[in-house]
Amino acid sequence: MTDDPETGGRPGPDRPRGRDIRLEVDRENVERDLFRLVLTVIELLRQLMERQALRRVEQGNLTEDQEERIGYTLMLLEDRMAELRERYDLRPEDLNLDLGPLGRLL
């Protein structure tokens, strides 16, 4: 514990000891929030991959077969994301994190 000039580093009446602090956690909410964070990261990566694929298509760097495979893969990923959001009762806008002064993530 760090030294506090007022209490000499000792817990006072308003400062509980570290081991006495109890945190009430709802397992279902923790799981849902963790899953929301994971899906947010996956959605960010999906959007980045989609933008990169569109750039490559516009530049003509892909064969027709590659374009079809990328399009199909991105559609499958979007379908899986929708299924996972539905399982945890999340909407697409729930995956958009507010980064404060930086704005929204997605």
PDB file of N, CA and C in Angstrom:
ATOM      1  N   MET A   1       0.852  -1.164   0.000  1.00  0.00           N
ATOM      2  CA  MET A   1       0.000   0.000   0.000  1.00  0.00           C
ATOM      3  C   MET A   1       0.900   1.230   0.000  1.00  0.00           C
ATOM      4  N   THR A   2       0.523   2.252  -0.735  1.00  0.00           N
ATOM      5  CA  THR A   2       1.346   3.457  -0.804  1.00  0.00           C
ATOM      6  C   THR A   2       1.149   4.282   0.451  1.00  0.00           C
ATOM      7  N   ASP A   3       2.142   5.078   0.768  1.00  0.00           N
ATOM      8  CA  ASP A   3       2.060   5.943   1.938  1.00  0.00           C
ATOM      9  C   ASP A   3       1.119   7.094   1.672  1.00  0.00           C
ATOM     10  N   ASP A   4       0.199   7.292   2.576  1.00  0.00           N
ATOM     11  CA  ASP A   4      -0.737   8.406   2.521  1.00  0.00           C
ATOM     12  C   ASP A   4      -0.397   9.310   3.686  1.00  0.00           C
ATOM     13  N   PRO A   5      -0.046  10.596   3.439  1.00  0.00           N
ATOM     14  CA  PRO A   5       0.360  11.480   4.534  1.00  0.00           C
ATOM     15  C   PRO A   5      -0.691  11.596   5.622  1.00  0.00           C
ATOM     16  N   GLU A   6      -1.964  11.506   5.267  1.00  0.00           N
ATOM     17  CA  GLU A   6      -3.019  11.677   6.269  1.00  0.00           C
ATOM     18  C   GLU A   6      -3.180  10.455   7.160  1.00  0.00           C
ATOM     19  N   THR A   7      -2.987   9.276   6.609  1.00  0.00           N
ATOM     20  CA  THR A   7      -3.217   8.057   7.395  1.00  0.00           C
ATOM     21  C   THR A   7      -1.934   7.290   7.648  1.00  0.00           C
ATOM     22  N   GLY A   8      -0.817   7.777   7.124  1.00  0.00           N
ATOM     23  CA  GLY A   8       0.433   7.048   7.307  1.00  0.00           C
ATOM     24  C   GLY A   8       0.437   5.734   6.557  1.00  0.00           C
ATOM     25  N   GLY A   9      -0.370   5.636   5.483  1.00  0.00           N
ATOM     26  CA  GLY A   9      -0.407   4.409   4.685  1.00  0.00           C
ATOM     27  C   GLY A   9      -1.354   3.369   5.240  1.00  0.00           C
ATOM     28  N   ARG A  10      -2.006   3.685   6.375  1.00  0.00           N
ATOM     29  CA  ARG A  10      -2.933   2.729   6.986  1.00  0.00           C
ATOM     30  C   ARG A  10      -4.352   3.008   6.504  1.00  0.00           C
ATOM     31  N   PRO A  11      -5.160   1.966   6.378  1.00  0.00           N
ATOM     32  CA  PRO A  11      -6.559   2.200   6.003  1.00  0.00           C
ATOM     33  C   PRO A  11      -7.281   2.971   7.091  1.00  0.00           C
ATOM     34  N   GLY A  12      -8.037   3.954   6.695  1.00  0.00           N
ATOM     35  CA  GLY A  12      -8.822   4.734   7.634  1.00  0.00           C
ATOM     36  C   GLY A  12     -10.254   4.254   7.618  1.00  0.00           C
ATOM     37  N   PRO A  13     -11.143   4.961   8.306  1.00  0.00           N
ATOM     38  CA  PRO A  13     -12.547   4.542   8.340  1.00  0.00           C
ATOM     39  C   PRO A  13     -13.201   4.578   6.962  1.00  0.00           C
ATOM     40  N   ASP A  14     -12.734   5.476   6.094  1.00  0.00           N
ATOM     41  CA  ASP A  14     -13.299   5.579   4.746  1.00  0.00           C
ATOM     42  C   ASP A  14     -12.485   4.805   3.720  1.00  0.00           C
ATOM     43  N   ARG A  15     -11.400   4.194   4.147  1.00  0.00           N
ATOM     44  CA  ARG A  15     -10.531   3.463   3.216  1.00  0.00           C
ATOM     45  C   ARG A  15     -10.484   2.003   3.635  1.00  0.00           C
ATOM     46  N   PRO A  16     -11.260   1.146   2.969  1.00  0.00           N
ATOM     47  CA  PRO A  16     -11.236  -0.270   3.340  1.00  0.00           C
ATOM     48  C   PRO A  16      -9.904  -0.901   2.955  1.00  0.00           C
ATOM     49  N   ARG A  17      -9.557  -1.926   3.661  1.00  0.00           N
ATOM     50  CA  ARG A  17      -8.366  -2.693   3.310  1.00  0.00           C
ATOM     51  C   ARG A  17      -8.593  -3.360   1.971  1.00  0.00           C
ATOM     52  N   GLY A  18      -7.527  -3.532   1.191  1.00  0.00           N
ATOM     53  CA  GLY A  18      -7.627  -4.143  -0.137  1.00  0.00           C
ATOM     54  C   GLY A  18      -8.326  -5.482  -0.120  1.00  0.00           C
ATOM     55  N   ARG A  19      -8.043  -6.288   0.878  1.00  0.00           N
ATOM     56  CA  ARG A  19      -8.651  -7.626   0.911  1.00  0.00           C
ATOM     57  C   ARG A  19     -10.099  -7.602   1.381  1.00  0.00           C
ATOM     58  N   ASP A  20     -10.556  -6.460   1.925  1.00  0.00           N
ATOM     59  CA  ASP A  20     -11.921  -6.355   2.405  1.00  0.00           C
ATOM     60  C   ASP A  20     -12.888  -5.849   1.334  1.00  0.00           C
ATOM     61  N   ILE A  21     -12.351  -5.396   0.215  1.00  0.00           N
ATOM     62  CA  ILE A  21     -13.200  -4.863  -0.856  1.00  0.00           C
ATOM     63  C   ILE A  21     -13.895  -6.028  -1.557  1.00  0.00           C
ATOM     64  N   ARG A  22     -15.186  -5.910  -1.708  1.00  0.00           N
ATOM     65  CA  ARG A  22     -15.978  -6.939  -2.388  1.00  0.00           C
ATOM     66  C   ARG A  22     -16.517  -6.340  -3.683  1.00  0.00           C
ATOM     67  N   LEU A  23     -16.406  -7.088  -4.733  1.00  0.00           N
ATOM     68  CA  LEU A  23     -16.889  -6.639  -6.027  1.00  0.00           C
ATOM     69  C   LEU A  23     -18.000  -7.563  -6.464  1.00  0.00           C
ATOM     70  N   GLU A  24     -19.173  -7.011  -6.622  1.00  0.00           N
ATOM     71  CA  GLU A  24     -20.310  -7.797  -7.087  1.00  0.00           C
ATOM     72  C   GLU A  24     -20.249  -7.866  -8.605  1.00  0.00           C
ATOM     73  N   VAL A  25     -20.203  -9.073  -9.128  1.00  0.00           N
ATOM     74  CA  VAL A  25     -20.075  -9.254 -10.564  1.00  0.00           C
ATOM     75  C   VAL A  25     -21.198 -10.162 -11.047  1.00  0.00           C
ATOM     76  N   ASP A  26     -21.855  -9.715 -12.074  1.00  0.00           N
ATOM     77  CA  ASP A  26     -22.881 -10.532 -12.708  1.00  0.00           C
ATOM     78  C   ASP A  26     -22.215 -11.291 -13.845  1.00  0.00           C
ATOM     79  N   ARG A  27     -22.064 -12.586 -13.684  1.00  0.00           N
ATOM     80  CA  ARG A  27     -21.337 -13.409 -14.649  1.00  0.00           C
ATOM     81  C   ARG A  27     -21.882 -13.241 -16.067  1.00  0.00           C
ATOM     82  N   GLU A  28     -23.195 -13.164 -16.203  1.00  0.00           N
ATOM     83  CA  GLU A  28     -23.792 -13.040 -17.534  1.00  0.00           C
ATOM     84  C   GLU A  28     -23.398 -11.718 -18.188  1.00  0.00           C
ATOM     85  N   ASN A  29     -23.406 -10.619 -17.421  1.00  0.00           N
ATOM     86  CA  ASN A  29     -23.024  -9.322 -17.984  1.00  0.00           C
ATOM     87  C   ASN A  29     -21.545  -9.287 -18.338  1.00  0.00           C
ATOM     88  N   VAL A  30     -20.710  -9.877 -17.499  1.00  0.00           N
ATOM     89  CA  VAL A  30     -19.273  -9.895 -17.778  1.00  0.00           C
ATOM     90  C   VAL A  30     -19.025 -10.670 -19.066  1.00  0.00           C
ATOM     91  N   GLU A  31     -19.668 -11.814 -19.207  1.00  0.00           N
ATOM     92  CA  GLU A  31     -19.491 -12.628 -20.413  1.00  0.00           C
ATOM     93  C   GLU A  31     -19.974 -11.873 -21.648  1.00  0.00           C
ATOM     94  N   ARG A  32     -21.121 -11.227 -21.537  1.00  0.00           N
ATOM     95  CA  ARG A  32     -21.676 -10.488 -22.676  1.00  0.00           C
ATOM     96  C   ARG A  32     -20.759  -9.320 -23.058  1.00  0.00           C
ATOM     97  N   ASP A  33     -20.263  -8.593 -22.054  1.00  0.00           N
ATOM     98  CA  ASP A  33     -19.384  -7.452 -22.337  1.00  0.00           C
ATOM     99  C   ASP A  33     -18.055  -7.896 -22.939  1.00  0.00           C
ATOM    100  N   LEU A  34     -17.522  -9.001 -22.452  1.00  0.00           N
ATOM    101  CA  LEU A  34     -16.290  -9.526 -23.028  1.00  0.00           C
ATOM    102  C   LEU A  34     -16.524  -9.956 -24.474  1.00  0.00           C
ATOM    103  N   PHE A  35     -17.632 -10.627 -24.712  1.00  0.00           N
ATOM    104  CA  PHE A  35     -17.964 -11.061 -26.062  1.00  0.00           C
ATOM    105  C   PHE A  35     -18.171  -9.846 -26.967  1.00  0.00           C
ATOM    106  N   ARG A  36     -18.782  -8.809 -26.421  1.00  0.00           N
ATOM    107  CA  ARG A  36     -18.983  -7.566 -27.185  1.00  0.00           C
ATOM    108  C   ARG A  36     -17.641  -6.969 -27.600  1.00  0.00           C
ATOM    109  N   LEU A  37     -16.684  -6.959 -26.694  1.00  0.00           N
ATOM    110  CA  LEU A  37     -15.360  -6.428 -27.006  1.00  0.00           C
ATOM    111  C   LEU A  37     -14.668  -7.257 -28.091  1.00  0.00           C
ATOM    112  N   VAL A  38     -14.751  -8.583 -27.970  1.00  0.00           N
ATOM    113  CA  VAL A  38     -14.139  -9.462 -28.976  1.00  0.00           C
ATOM    114  C   VAL A  38     -14.790  -9.229 -30.337  1.00  0.00           C
ATOM    115  N   LEU A  39     -16.110  -9.153 -30.369  1.00  0.00           N
ATOM    116  CA  LEU A  39     -16.801  -8.906 -31.639  1.00  0.00           C
ATOM    117  C   LEU A  39     -16.452  -7.534 -32.211  1.00  0.00           C
ATOM    118  N   THR A  40     -16.220  -6.557 -31.367  1.00  0.00           N
ATOM    119  CA  THR A  40     -15.827  -5.225 -31.832  1.00  0.00           C
ATOM    120  C   THR A  40     -14.490  -5.297 -32.551  1.00  0.00           C
ATOM    121  N   VAL A  41     -13.541  -6.007 -31.965  1.00  0.00           N
ATOM    122  CA  VAL A  41     -12.224  -6.153 -32.602  1.00  0.00           C
ATOM    123  C   VAL A  41     -12.366  -6.898 -33.928  1.00  0.00           C
ATOM    124  N   ILE A  42     -13.162  -7.955 -33.948  1.00  0.00           N
ATOM    125  CA  ILE A  42     -13.367  -8.716 -35.191  1.00  0.00           C
ATOM    126  C   ILE A  42     -14.040  -7.837 -36.244  1.00  0.00           C
ATOM    127  N   GLU A  43     -15.026  -7.045 -35.844  1.00  0.00           N
ATOM    128  CA  GLU A  43     -15.708  -6.160 -36.795  1.00  0.00           C
ATOM    129  C   GLU A  43     -14.751  -5.117 -37.352  1.00  0.00           C
ATOM    130  N   LEU A  44     -13.896  -4.573 -36.515  1.00  0.00           N
ATOM    131  CA  LEU A  44     -12.897  -3.610 -36.985  1.00  0.00           C
ATOM    132  C   LEU A  44     -11.993  -4.259 -38.034  1.00  0.00           C
ATOM    133  N   LEU A  45     -11.514  -5.454 -37.760  1.00  0.00           N
ATOM    134  CA  LEU A  45     -10.662  -6.173 -38.718  1.00  0.00           C
ATOM    135  C   LEU A  45     -11.424  -6.500 -40.001  1.00  0.00           C
ATOM    136  N   ARG A  46     -12.682  -6.886 -39.872  1.00  0.00           N
ATOM    137  CA  ARG A  46     -13.494  -7.202 -41.051  1.00  0.00           C
ATOM    138  C   ARG A  46     -13.634  -5.983 -41.949  1.00  0.00           C
ATOM    139  N   GLN A  47     -13.899  -4.829 -41.339  1.00  0.00           N
ATOM    140  CA  GLN A  47     -14.048  -3.608 -42.129  1.00  0.00           C
ATOM    141  C   GLN A  47     -12.735  -3.211 -42.799  1.00  0.00           C
ATOM    142  N   LEU A  48     -11.631  -3.370 -42.093  1.00  0.00           N
ATOM    143  CA  LEU A  48     -10.329  -3.074 -42.692  1.00  0.00           C
ATOM    144  C   LEU A  48     -10.035  -4.005 -43.867  1.00  0.00           C
ATOM    145  N   MET A  49     -10.338  -5.300 -43.708  1.00  0.00           N
ATOM    146  CA  MET A  49     -10.129  -6.261 -44.799  1.00  0.00           C
ATOM    147  C   MET A  49     -11.007  -5.920 -45.997  1.00  0.00           C
ATOM    148  N   GLU A  50     -12.243  -5.521 -45.729  1.00  0.00           N
ATOM    149  CA  GLU A  50     -13.160  -5.165 -46.807  1.00  0.00           C
ATOM    150  C   GLU A  50     -12.648  -3.951 -47.584  1.00  0.00           C
ATOM    151  N   ARG A  51     -12.171  -2.944 -46.871  1.00  0.00           N
ATOM    152  CA  ARG A  51     -11.636  -1.751 -47.542  1.00  0.00           C
ATOM    153  C   ARG A  51     -10.403  -2.089 -48.371  1.00  0.00           C
ATOM    154  N   GLN A  52      -9.542  -2.931 -47.832  1.00  0.00           N
ATOM    155  CA  GLN A  52      -8.342  -3.335 -48.567  1.00  0.00           C
ATOM    156  C   GLN A  52      -8.730  -4.117 -49.815  1.00  0.00           C
ATOM    157  N   ALA A  53      -9.704  -5.004 -49.687  1.00  0.00           N
ATOM    158  CA  ALA A  53     -10.153  -5.783 -50.842  1.00  0.00           C
ATOM    159  C   ALA A  53     -10.718  -4.866 -51.920  1.00  0.00           C
ATOM    160  N   LEU A  54     -11.508  -3.871 -51.516  1.00  0.00           N
ATOM    161  CA  LEU A  54     -12.075  -2.937 -52.497  1.00  0.00           C
ATOM    162  C   LEU A  54     -10.975  -2.144 -53.204  1.00  0.00           C
ATOM    163  N   ARG A  55      -9.957  -1.739 -52.472  1.00  0.00           N
ATOM    164  CA  ARG A  55      -8.836  -1.028 -53.105  1.00  0.00           C
ATOM    165  C   ARG A  55      -8.150  -1.911 -54.137  1.00  0.00           C
ATOM    166  N   ARG A  56      -7.936  -3.163 -53.777  1.00  0.00           N
ATOM    167  CA  ARG A  56      -7.255  -4.077 -54.703  1.00  0.00           C
ATOM    168  C   ARG A  56      -8.101  -4.351 -55.934  1.00  0.00           C
ATOM    169  N   VAL A  57      -9.408  -4.447 -55.756  1.00  0.00           N
ATOM    170  CA  VAL A  57     -10.306  -4.653 -56.898  1.00  0.00           C
ATOM    171  C   VAL A  57     -10.253  -3.428 -57.805  1.00  0.00           C
ATOM    172  N   GLU A  58     -10.331  -2.237 -57.220  1.00  0.00           N
ATOM    173  CA  GLU A  58     -10.290  -0.998 -58.000  1.00  0.00           C
ATOM    174  C   GLU A  58      -8.971  -0.828 -58.742  1.00  0.00           C
ATOM    175  N   GLN A  59      -7.886  -1.303 -58.165  1.00  0.00           N
ATOM    176  CA  GLN A  59      -6.576  -1.200 -58.810  1.00  0.00           C
ATOM    177  C   GLN A  59      -6.386  -2.275 -59.874  1.00  0.00           C
ATOM    178  N   GLY A  60      -7.272  -3.264 -59.893  1.00  0.00           N
ATOM    179  CA  GLY A  60      -7.158  -4.340 -60.880  1.00  0.00           C
ATOM    180  C   GLY A  60      -6.072  -5.349 -60.552  1.00  0.00           C
ATOM    181  N   ASN A  61      -5.721  -5.474 -59.279  1.00  0.00           N
ATOM    182  CA  ASN A  61      -4.655  -6.386 -58.861  1.00  0.00           C
ATOM    183  C   ASN A  61      -5.122  -7.821 -58.639  1.00  0.00           C
ATOM    184  N   LEU A  62      -6.415  -8.076 -58.793  1.00  0.00           N
ATOM    185  CA  LEU A  62      -6.943  -9.400 -58.511  1.00  0.00           C
ATOM    186  C   LEU A  62      -7.531 -10.038 -59.757  1.00  0.00           C
ATOM    187  N   THR A  63      -7.457 -11.348 -59.798  1.00  0.00           N
ATOM    188  CA  THR A  63      -8.137 -12.065 -60.878  1.00  0.00           C
ATOM    189  C   THR A  63      -9.621 -12.126 -60.536  1.00  0.00           C
ATOM    190  N   GLU A  64     -10.420 -12.464 -61.499  1.00  0.00           N
ATOM    191  CA  GLU A  64     -11.863 -12.579 -61.270  1.00  0.00           C
ATOM    192  C   GLU A  64     -12.156 -13.623 -60.194  1.00  0.00           C
ATOM    193  N   ASP A  65     -11.414 -14.736 -60.225  1.00  0.00           N
ATOM    194  CA  ASP A  65     -11.599 -15.794 -59.229  1.00  0.00           C
ATOM    195  C   ASP A  65     -11.262 -15.284 -57.824  1.00  0.00           C
ATOM    196  N   GLN A  66     -10.185 -14.517 -57.705  1.00  0.00           N
ATOM    197  CA  GLN A  66      -9.804 -13.963 -56.402  1.00  0.00           C
ATOM    198  C   GLN A  66     -10.865 -12.987 -55.901  1.00  0.00           C
ATOM    199  N   GLU A  67     -11.391 -12.182 -56.792  1.00  0.00           N
ATOM    200  CA  GLU A  67     -12.447 -11.238 -56.408  1.00  0.00           C
ATOM    201  C   GLU A  67     -13.663 -11.980 -55.879  1.00  0.00           C
ATOM    202  N   GLU A  68     -14.047 -13.058 -56.558  1.00  0.00           N
ATOM    203  CA  GLU A  68     -15.204 -13.839 -56.121  1.00  0.00           C
ATOM    204  C   GLU A  68     -14.963 -14.475 -54.764  1.00  0.00           C
ATOM    205  N   ARG A  69     -13.764 -15.037 -54.559  1.00  0.00           N
ATOM    206  CA  ARG A  69     -13.458 -15.680 -53.281  1.00  0.00           C
ATOM    207  C   ARG A  69     -13.443 -14.667 -52.138  1.00  0.00           C
ATOM    208  N   ILE A  70     -12.870 -13.506 -52.379  1.00  0.00           N
ATOM    209  CA  ILE A  70     -12.851 -12.470 -51.342  1.00  0.00           C
ATOM    210  C   ILE A  70     -14.270 -12.022 -51.023  1.00  0.00           C
ATOM    211  N   GLY A  71     -15.059 -11.775 -52.040  1.00  0.00           N
ATOM    212  CA  GLY A  71     -16.446 -11.360 -51.830  1.00  0.00           C
ATOM    213  C   GLY A  71     -17.236 -12.397 -51.053  1.00  0.00           C
ATOM    214  N   TYR A  72     -17.074 -13.663 -51.429  1.00  0.00           N
ATOM    215  CA  TYR A  72     -17.778 -14.747 -50.748  1.00  0.00           C
ATOM    216  C   TYR A  72     -17.328 -14.849 -49.286  1.00  0.00           C
ATOM    217  N   THR A  73     -16.037 -14.746 -49.048  1.00  0.00           N
ATOM    218  CA  THR A  73     -15.493 -14.835 -47.688  1.00  0.00           C
ATOM    219  C   THR A  73     -16.007 -13.695 -46.824  1.00  0.00           C
ATOM    220  N   LEU A  74     -16.028 -12.486 -47.358  1.00  0.00           N
ATOM    221  CA  LEU A  74     -16.524 -11.341 -46.601  1.00  0.00           C
ATOM    222  C   LEU A  74     -18.019 -11.472 -46.302  1.00  0.00           C
ATOM    223  N   MET A  75     -18.778 -12.017 -47.248  1.00  0.00           N
ATOM    224  CA  MET A  75     -20.204 -12.242 -46.999  1.00  0.00           C
ATOM    225  C   MET A  75     -20.409 -13.274 -45.897  1.00  0.00           C
ATOM    226  N   LEU A  76     -19.631 -14.367 -45.928  1.00  0.00           N
ATOM    227  CA  LEU A  76     -19.725 -15.387 -44.880  1.00  0.00           C
ATOM    228  C   LEU A  76     -19.380 -14.797 -43.512  1.00  0.00           C
ATOM    229  N   LEU A  77     -18.340 -13.998 -43.464  1.00  0.00           N
ATOM    230  CA  LEU A  77     -17.939 -13.386 -42.211  1.00  0.00           C
ATOM    231  C   LEU A  77     -19.037 -12.471 -41.674  1.00  0.00           C
ATOM    232  N   GLU A  78     -19.649 -11.700 -42.548  1.00  0.00           N
ATOM    233  CA  GLU A  78     -20.745 -10.822 -42.123  1.00  0.00           C
ATOM    234  C   GLU A  78     -21.920 -11.652 -41.599  1.00  0.00           C
ATOM    235  N   ASP A  79     -22.233 -12.763 -42.260  1.00  0.00           N
ATOM    236  CA  ASP A  79     -23.316 -13.638 -41.782  1.00  0.00           C
ATOM    237  C   ASP A  79     -23.006 -14.210 -40.406  1.00  0.00           C
ATOM    238  N   ARG A  80     -21.771 -14.646 -40.199  1.00  0.00           N
ATOM    239  CA  ARG A  80     -21.382 -15.208 -38.891  1.00  0.00           C
ATOM    240  C   ARG A  80     -21.434 -14.137 -37.813  1.00  0.00           C
ATOM    241  N   MET A  81     -21.004 -12.939 -38.159  1.00  0.00           N
ATOM    242  CA  MET A  81     -21.056 -11.834 -37.196  1.00  0.00           C
ATOM    243  C   MET A  81     -22.511 -11.553 -36.795  1.00  0.00           C
ATOM    244  N   ALA A  82     -23.415 -11.579 -37.757  1.00  0.00           N
ATOM    245  CA  ALA A  82     -24.835 -11.346 -37.466  1.00  0.00           C
ATOM    246  C   ALA A  82     -25.366 -12.435 -36.540  1.00  0.00           C
ATOM    247  N   GLU A  83     -24.985 -13.682 -36.781  1.00  0.00           N
ATOM    248  CA  GLU A  83     -25.417 -14.788 -35.920  1.00  0.00           C
ATOM    249  C   GLU A  83     -24.907 -14.604 -34.494  1.00  0.00           C
ATOM    250  N   LEU A  84     -23.649 -14.224 -34.363  1.00  0.00           N
ATOM    251  CA  LEU A  84     -23.070 -14.051 -33.032  1.00  0.00           C
ATOM    252  C   LEU A  84     -23.684 -12.853 -32.302  1.00  0.00           C
ATOM    253  N   ARG A  85     -23.931 -11.777 -33.038  1.00  0.00           N
ATOM    254  CA  ARG A  85     -24.590 -10.625 -32.412  1.00  0.00           C
ATOM    255  C   ARG A  85     -25.979 -11.022 -31.919  1.00  0.00           C
ATOM    256  N   GLU A  86     -26.689 -11.786 -32.718  1.00  0.00           N
ATOM    257  CA  GLU A  86     -28.031 -12.215 -32.349  1.00  0.00           C
ATOM    258  C   GLU A  86     -27.993 -13.104 -31.106  1.00  0.00           C
ATOM    259  N   ARG A  87     -27.016 -13.992 -31.029  1.00  0.00           N
ATOM    260  CA  ARG A  87     -26.897 -14.903 -29.889  1.00  0.00           C
ATOM    261  C   ARG A  87     -26.754 -14.136 -28.584  1.00  0.00           C
ATOM    262  N   TYR A  88     -26.041 -13.017 -28.623  1.00  0.00           N
ATOM    263  CA  TYR A  88     -25.820 -12.221 -27.417  1.00  0.00           C
ATOM    264  C   TYR A  88     -26.677 -10.960 -27.384  1.00  0.00           C
ATOM    265  N   ASP A  89     -27.691 -10.917 -28.211  1.00  0.00           N
ATOM    266  CA  ASP A  89     -28.634  -9.803 -28.249  1.00  0.00           C
ATOM    267  C   ASP A  89     -27.914  -8.465 -28.415  1.00  0.00           C
ATOM    268  N   LEU A  90     -27.013  -8.417 -29.391  1.00  0.00           N
ATOM    269  CA  LEU A  90     -26.263  -7.203 -29.695  1.00  0.00           C
ATOM    270  C   LEU A  90     -26.675  -6.668 -31.060  1.00  0.00           C
ATOM    271  N   ARG A  91     -26.700  -5.364 -31.173  1.00  0.00           N
ATOM    272  CA  ARG A  91     -26.963  -4.716 -32.456  1.00  0.00           C
ATOM    273  C   ARG A  91     -25.623  -4.271 -33.032  1.00  0.00           C
ATOM    274  N   PRO A  92     -25.548  -4.035 -34.340  1.00  0.00           N
ATOM    275  CA  PRO A  92     -24.274  -3.581 -34.921  1.00  0.00           C
ATOM    276  C   PRO A  92     -23.738  -2.324 -34.230  1.00  0.00           C
ATOM    277  N   GLU A  93     -24.615  -1.397 -33.857  1.00  0.00           N
ATOM    278  CA  GLU A  93     -24.147  -0.172 -33.211  1.00  0.00           C
ATOM    279  C   GLU A  93     -23.601  -0.423 -31.798  1.00  0.00           C
ATOM    280  N   ASP A  94     -23.928  -1.576 -31.192  1.00  0.00           N
ATOM    281  CA  ASP A  94     -23.382  -1.914 -29.880  1.00  0.00           C
ATOM    282  C   ASP A  94     -21.883  -2.207 -29.947  1.00  0.00           C
ATOM    283  N   LEU A  95     -21.381  -2.490 -31.142  1.00  0.00           N
ATOM    284  CA  LEU A  95     -19.970  -2.819 -31.304  1.00  0.00           C
ATOM    285  C   LEU A  95     -19.112  -1.582 -31.537  1.00  0.00           C
ATOM    286  N   ASN A  96     -19.734  -0.430 -31.606  1.00  0.00           N
ATOM    287  CA  ASN A  96     -19.008   0.808 -31.881  1.00  0.00           C
ATOM    288  C   ASN A  96     -18.619   1.459 -30.559  1.00  0.00           C
ATOM    289  N   LEU A  97     -17.335   1.446 -30.248  1.00  0.00           N
ATOM    290  CA  LEU A  97     -16.835   2.002 -28.997  1.00  0.00           C
ATOM    291  C   LEU A  97     -16.662   3.517 -29.101  1.00  0.00           C
ATOM    292  N   ASP A  98     -17.006   4.203 -28.017  1.00  0.00           N
ATOM    293  CA  ASP A  98     -16.771   5.639 -27.946  1.00  0.00           C
ATOM    294  C   ASP A  98     -15.363   5.852 -27.403  1.00  0.00           C
ATOM    295  N   LEU A  99     -14.514   6.465 -28.201  1.00  0.00           N
ATOM    296  CA  LEU A  99     -13.120   6.695 -27.821  1.00  0.00           C
ATOM    297  C   LEU A  99     -12.891   8.093 -27.281  1.00  0.00           C
ATOM    298  N   GLY A 100     -13.942   8.696 -26.772  1.00  0.00           N
ATOM    299  CA  GLY A 100     -13.839  10.027 -26.184  1.00  0.00           C
ATOM    300  C   GLY A 100     -13.513  11.075 -27.227  1.00  0.00           C
ATOM    301  N   PRO A 101     -12.437  11.837 -27.018  1.00  0.00           N
ATOM    302  CA  PRO A 101     -12.113  12.918 -27.946  1.00  0.00           C
ATOM    303  C   PRO A 101     -11.760  12.425 -29.347  1.00  0.00           C
ATOM    304  N   LEU A 102     -11.410  11.144 -29.474  1.00  0.00           N
ATOM    305  CA  LEU A 102     -11.073  10.592 -30.793  1.00  0.00           C
ATOM    306  C   LEU A 102     -12.304  10.252 -31.614  1.00  0.00           C
ATOM    307  N   GLY A 103     -13.462  10.188 -30.968  1.00  0.00           N
ATOM    308  CA  GLY A 103     -14.703   9.852 -31.670  1.00  0.00           C
ATOM    309  C   GLY A 103     -15.054   8.390 -31.549  1.00  0.00           C
ATOM    310  N   ARG A 104     -15.874   7.928 -32.452  1.00  0.00           N
ATOM    311  CA  ARG A 104     -16.334   6.540 -32.442  1.00  0.00           C
ATOM    312  C   ARG A 104     -15.314   5.664 -33.182  1.00  0.00           C
ATOM    313  N   LEU A 105     -15.206   4.397 -32.778  1.00  0.00           N
ATOM    314  CA  LEU A 105     -14.240   3.482 -33.370  1.00  0.00           C
ATOM    315  C   LEU A 105     -14.642   3.083 -34.789  1.00  0.00           C
ATOM    316  N   LEU A 106     -15.893   2.686 -34.958  1.00  0.00           N
ATOM    317  CA  LEU A 106     -16.339   2.167 -36.265  1.00  0.00           C
ATOM    318  C   LEU A 106     -17.220   3.166 -36.983  1.00  0.00           C
TER     319      LEU A 106
END
